[in-house]
Structure formats: C-alpha cells, structure tokens
Amino acid sequence: MTIYFALLRGINVSGHNMIKMAELKKMFEAMGFERVQTYINSGNVMFESEEGEELLEEKIESEISKCFGFNIAVILRSASELASIIDKCPFDFKSLAEGQSIHLTFLKKPPTDDTIDKLPEVELNDDDYLIAGRDIYFFYSGSMLDSNLPKKFQKVLPATARNWKTVLKLQAMADALNSH
C-alpha cells in the first residue's frame, strides 16, 4: 500500500467550491481508500491505496464532481515523494527571519521548456524560486501579497500551493501513520 496525499485546488476559498472535510473524508472512504485523514480546510487528504497515481487523480476528480457538483484539479504526491521534496528544499526553512516564508506549488506535471520560456519577467526583489520537476519552491522575503513572484506563475499548469508549515505537517502525518 502506498500513502498518498490528495491536494485539492481551489476549495473553500472565499465561499466558493465549499466542501466539509468530514464529507470529503467519507467520500474517500466510500471509494475504498484506507486510513483516510484530512488536514485543515484547504483540501489535504492523506489515504492509502494500491492504485497508481494517474488513475487515482482521475477517479478522485470524477467522484468530487459527482458528489459535490464542481470540477477541481486534484494533485497527488506519495508520502515518499513528499519526504524527498522536503529534503531537496533549496531554502533554509529552519532559519527563516520574521516575515519570511517558504511555499510549495504542486504541479500536475513538470512544465515544458516552452512553458518556462513564456513565463513573464517580474522584479523578484529579495524573493526567489526554484522549479524542480513537478514542484516549485518559493521563498518570500516579506508578505507574499507584496511579492511580484505569484504573477510570474499565474497560469503555468494545473497547480495548488501550500505553505511550508502545511507541507511539514503533512509529512508528520505520514510519519505517524507509518509508525502504527
């Protein structure tokens, strides 16, 4: 069995695409997934399955559409992938200064060179990023709301973002599940 994280894009934001986590958990359990847990209201679901990632994404997206009446992107990462993503973080999350933050954007698939070439130029100031396969690491020197960096990646590919605290919490959930 593989531990997966289903990261839902754009739910429970400003009153749109509302899903209660208890209902989402029930849906996953009804689909036959095991040891289902959710974390915070932004659509993070940990579960176990023997099925492959691509098939799972399609099945979960279809079931969400059927159960909740809207179409959203679901992006999966295995617990081992998430551990590797954390290990490869190019930014030192242990020594962030006040106001600094790290965020991670999960993509459905890696951007092509053509897609990367078409990204608009923006003034980075002291912010930074790194594209690593299907993930983009972001370092914000101040408030993300004051940064130009999000404008660079507005419409790259289907994606969903999480702050680093959430990423670390998801890994801690997987570690706890593995220890049982």
Protein backbone atom coordinates (compact mmCIF):
# COMPACT_ATOMS: atom_id res chain seq x y z
CA MET A 1 0.00 0.00 0.00
CA THR A 2 1.16 3.49 -0.82
CA ILE A 3 0.41 6.51 1.33
CA TYR A 4 -0.80 9.36 -0.88
CA PHE A 5 -1.73 12.97 -0.34
CA ALA A 6 -4.56 14.34 -2.46
CA LEU A 7 -4.10 18.10 -2.67
CA LEU A 8 -7.28 19.76 -3.88
CA ARG A 9 -7.06 23.02 -5.77
CA GLY A 10 -9.33 25.94 -5.00
CA ILE A 11 -11.76 24.58 -2.45
CA ASN A 12 -13.20 26.53 0.47
CA VAL A 13 -11.80 29.83 -0.85
CA SER A 14 -13.95 32.94 -0.40
CA GLY A 15 -17.13 30.88 -0.18
CA HIS A 16 -16.51 29.01 -3.45
CA ASN A 17 -16.29 25.25 -4.01
CA MET A 18 -17.21 24.53 -0.42
CA ILE A 19 -16.51 21.02 0.90
CA LYS A 20 -16.66 19.99 4.54
CA MET A 21 -13.63 17.88 5.40
CA ALA A 22 -15.82 15.29 7.16
CA GLU A 23 -17.81 14.84 3.92
CA LEU A 24 -14.62 14.66 1.86
CA LYS A 25 -13.24 12.00 4.20
CA LYS A 26 -16.45 9.97 3.86
CA MET A 27 -16.21 10.21 0.08
CA PHE A 28 -12.63 8.88 0.12
CA GLU A 29 -13.63 6.04 2.44
CA ALA A 30 -16.61 5.18 0.22
CA MET A 31 -14.18 4.95 -2.71
CA GLY A 32 -12.41 2.14 -0.82
CA PHE A 33 -9.33 4.04 0.34
CA GLU A 34 -7.88 3.11 3.69
CA ARG A 35 -6.67 5.12 6.72
CA VAL A 36 -8.13 8.37 5.37
CA GLN A 37 -7.28 11.59 7.23
CA THR A 38 -7.81 15.24 6.33
CA TYR A 39 -5.81 18.25 7.40
CA ILE A 40 -7.21 21.79 7.61
CA ASN A 41 -9.94 23.14 5.41
CA SER A 42 -7.85 23.75 2.28
CA GLY A 43 -8.25 20.24 0.90
CA ASN A 44 -5.44 17.98 2.09
CA VAL A 45 -6.36 14.30 2.25
CA MET A 46 -3.99 11.50 3.24
CA PHE A 47 -5.00 7.96 2.33
CA GLU A 48 -3.63 4.57 1.36
CA SER A 49 -4.19 2.81 -1.94
CA GLU A 50 -2.61 0.17 -4.16
CA GLU A 51 -3.64 2.03 -7.33
CA GLY A 52 -1.37 4.23 -9.45
CA GLU A 53 -1.25 8.00 -9.21
CA GLU A 54 -2.65 8.97 -12.61
CA LEU A 55 -5.69 6.71 -12.31
CA LEU A 56 -6.30 7.89 -8.75
CA GLU A 57 -6.26 11.58 -9.73
CA GLU A 58 -8.88 10.96 -12.42
CA LYS A 59 -11.07 8.83 -10.14
CA ILE A 60 -10.97 11.35 -7.29
CA GLU A 61 -11.68 14.33 -9.58
CA SER A 62 -14.63 12.46 -11.09
CA GLU A 63 -16.01 11.50 -7.67
CA ILE A 64 -15.70 15.08 -6.35
CA SER A 65 -17.61 16.29 -9.41
CA LYS A 66 -20.31 13.67 -8.84
CA CYS A 67 -20.59 14.22 -5.05
CA PHE A 68 -20.11 17.97 -4.76
CA GLY A 69 -21.12 19.29 -8.19
CA PHE A 70 -17.98 21.10 -9.35
CA ASN A 71 -14.77 20.28 -11.17
CA ILE A 72 -11.45 20.88 -9.45
CA ALA A 73 -7.90 19.70 -10.01
CA VAL A 74 -6.60 17.03 -7.65
CA ILE A 75 -2.84 16.66 -7.44
CA LEU A 76 -1.31 13.61 -5.80
CA ARG A 77 2.03 13.03 -4.15
CA SER A 78 3.12 9.91 -2.32
CA ALA A 79 4.49 10.21 1.20
CA SER A 80 7.93 9.18 -0.09
CA GLU A 81 7.78 11.89 -2.77
CA LEU A 82 6.81 14.45 -0.15
CA ALA A 83 9.77 13.43 2.04
CA SER A 84 12.08 13.86 -0.95
CA ILE A 85 10.55 17.26 -1.78
CA ILE A 86 11.21 18.42 1.79
CA ASP A 87 14.78 17.08 1.72
CA LYS A 88 15.50 18.90 -1.55
CA CYS A 89 14.17 22.29 -0.44
CA PRO A 90 16.72 24.84 -1.67
CA PHE A 91 15.77 27.32 1.05
CA ASP A 92 16.71 27.01 4.71
CA PHE A 93 13.33 26.78 6.40
CA LYS A 94 14.93 26.34 9.83
CA SER A 95 16.37 29.86 9.85
CA LEU A 96 13.58 31.99 8.40
CA ALA A 97 13.54 35.54 9.72
CA GLU A 98 10.37 37.28 10.89
CA GLY A 99 8.03 37.77 7.91
CA GLN A 100 9.88 35.39 5.58
CA SER A 101 8.15 32.28 4.30
CA ILE A 102 8.50 29.30 2.03
CA HIS A 103 5.66 27.96 -0.08
CA LEU A 104 5.45 24.98 -2.38
CA THR A 105 3.39 24.75 -5.54
CA PHE A 106 2.48 21.23 -6.63
CA LEU A 107 2.01 20.83 -10.39
CA LYS A 108 0.17 18.02 -12.17
CA LYS A 109 3.13 17.61 -14.50
CA PRO A 110 6.51 19.28 -14.99
CA PRO A 111 6.42 22.45 -17.10
CA THR A 112 7.93 22.16 -20.55
CA ASP A 113 10.89 24.31 -21.58
CA ASP A 114 8.49 26.19 -23.84
CA THR A 115 6.19 26.93 -20.90
CA ILE A 116 9.13 28.11 -18.79
CA ASP A 117 10.38 30.31 -21.64
CA LYS A 118 6.96 32.00 -21.83
CA LEU A 119 6.88 32.96 -18.14
CA PRO A 120 6.73 36.74 -17.80
CA GLU A 121 9.69 38.59 -16.37
CA VAL A 122 8.96 40.11 -12.99
CA GLU A 123 11.05 42.03 -10.49
CA LEU A 124 12.00 39.44 -7.85
CA ASN A 125 13.46 41.85 -5.28
CA ASP A 126 14.61 39.55 -2.47
CA ASP A 127 12.14 36.78 -3.33
CA ASP A 128 13.30 33.64 -5.11
CA TYR A 129 12.02 30.39 -6.61
CA LEU A 130 13.21 27.06 -7.98
CA ILE A 131 11.36 24.79 -10.40
CA ALA A 132 12.12 21.15 -9.59
CA GLY A 133 10.19 18.72 -11.77
CA ARG A 134 6.54 18.87 -10.76
CA ASP A 135 7.13 21.27 -7.89
CA ILE A 136 8.02 24.93 -7.50
CA TYR A 137 9.64 26.16 -4.31
CA PHE A 138 9.03 29.81 -3.41
CA PHE A 139 10.92 31.95 -0.91
CA TYR A 140 9.22 35.17 0.12
CA SER A 141 11.34 37.74 1.93
CA GLY A 142 8.20 39.53 3.13
CA SER A 143 4.49 39.16 2.63
CA MET A 144 3.51 37.00 -0.31
CA LEU A 145 0.80 39.60 -1.00
CA ASP A 146 3.51 42.22 -1.67
CA SER A 147 5.53 39.97 -3.98
CA ASN A 148 5.59 40.04 -7.78
CA LEU A 149 6.52 36.37 -7.87
CA PRO A 150 2.97 34.92 -7.95
CA LYS A 151 2.29 36.95 -11.13
CA LYS A 152 5.07 35.04 -12.89
CA PHE A 153 3.33 31.71 -12.38
CA GLN A 154 -0.37 32.62 -12.58
CA LYS A 155 -1.28 30.26 -15.40
CA VAL A 156 1.57 27.76 -15.74
CA LEU A 157 -0.24 24.43 -15.33
CA PRO A 158 -2.89 22.95 -13.09
CA ALA A 159 -1.38 23.51 -9.66
CA THR A 160 -2.10 24.03 -5.99
CA ALA A 161 0.05 25.74 -3.38
CA ARG A 162 0.70 25.09 0.30
CA ASN A 163 2.77 26.97 2.85
CA TRP A 164 5.80 25.18 4.26
CA LYS A 165 4.17 24.66 7.67
CA THR A 166 1.40 22.66 5.96
CA VAL A 167 3.93 20.66 3.90
CA LEU A 168 5.80 19.71 7.08
CA LYS A 169 2.55 18.81 8.87
CA LEU A 170 1.53 16.52 6.02
CA GLN A 171 4.86 14.71 6.26
CA ALA A 172 4.43 14.39 10.04
CA MET A 173 1.01 12.80 9.42
CA ALA A 174 2.59 10.23 7.09
CA ASP A 175 5.35 9.53 9.59
CA ALA A 176 2.74 8.96 12.31
CA LEU A 177 0.75 6.64 10.04
CA ASN A 178 3.90 4.66 9.20
CA SER A 179 4.73 4.22 12.88
CA HIS A 180 1.44 2.41 13.55
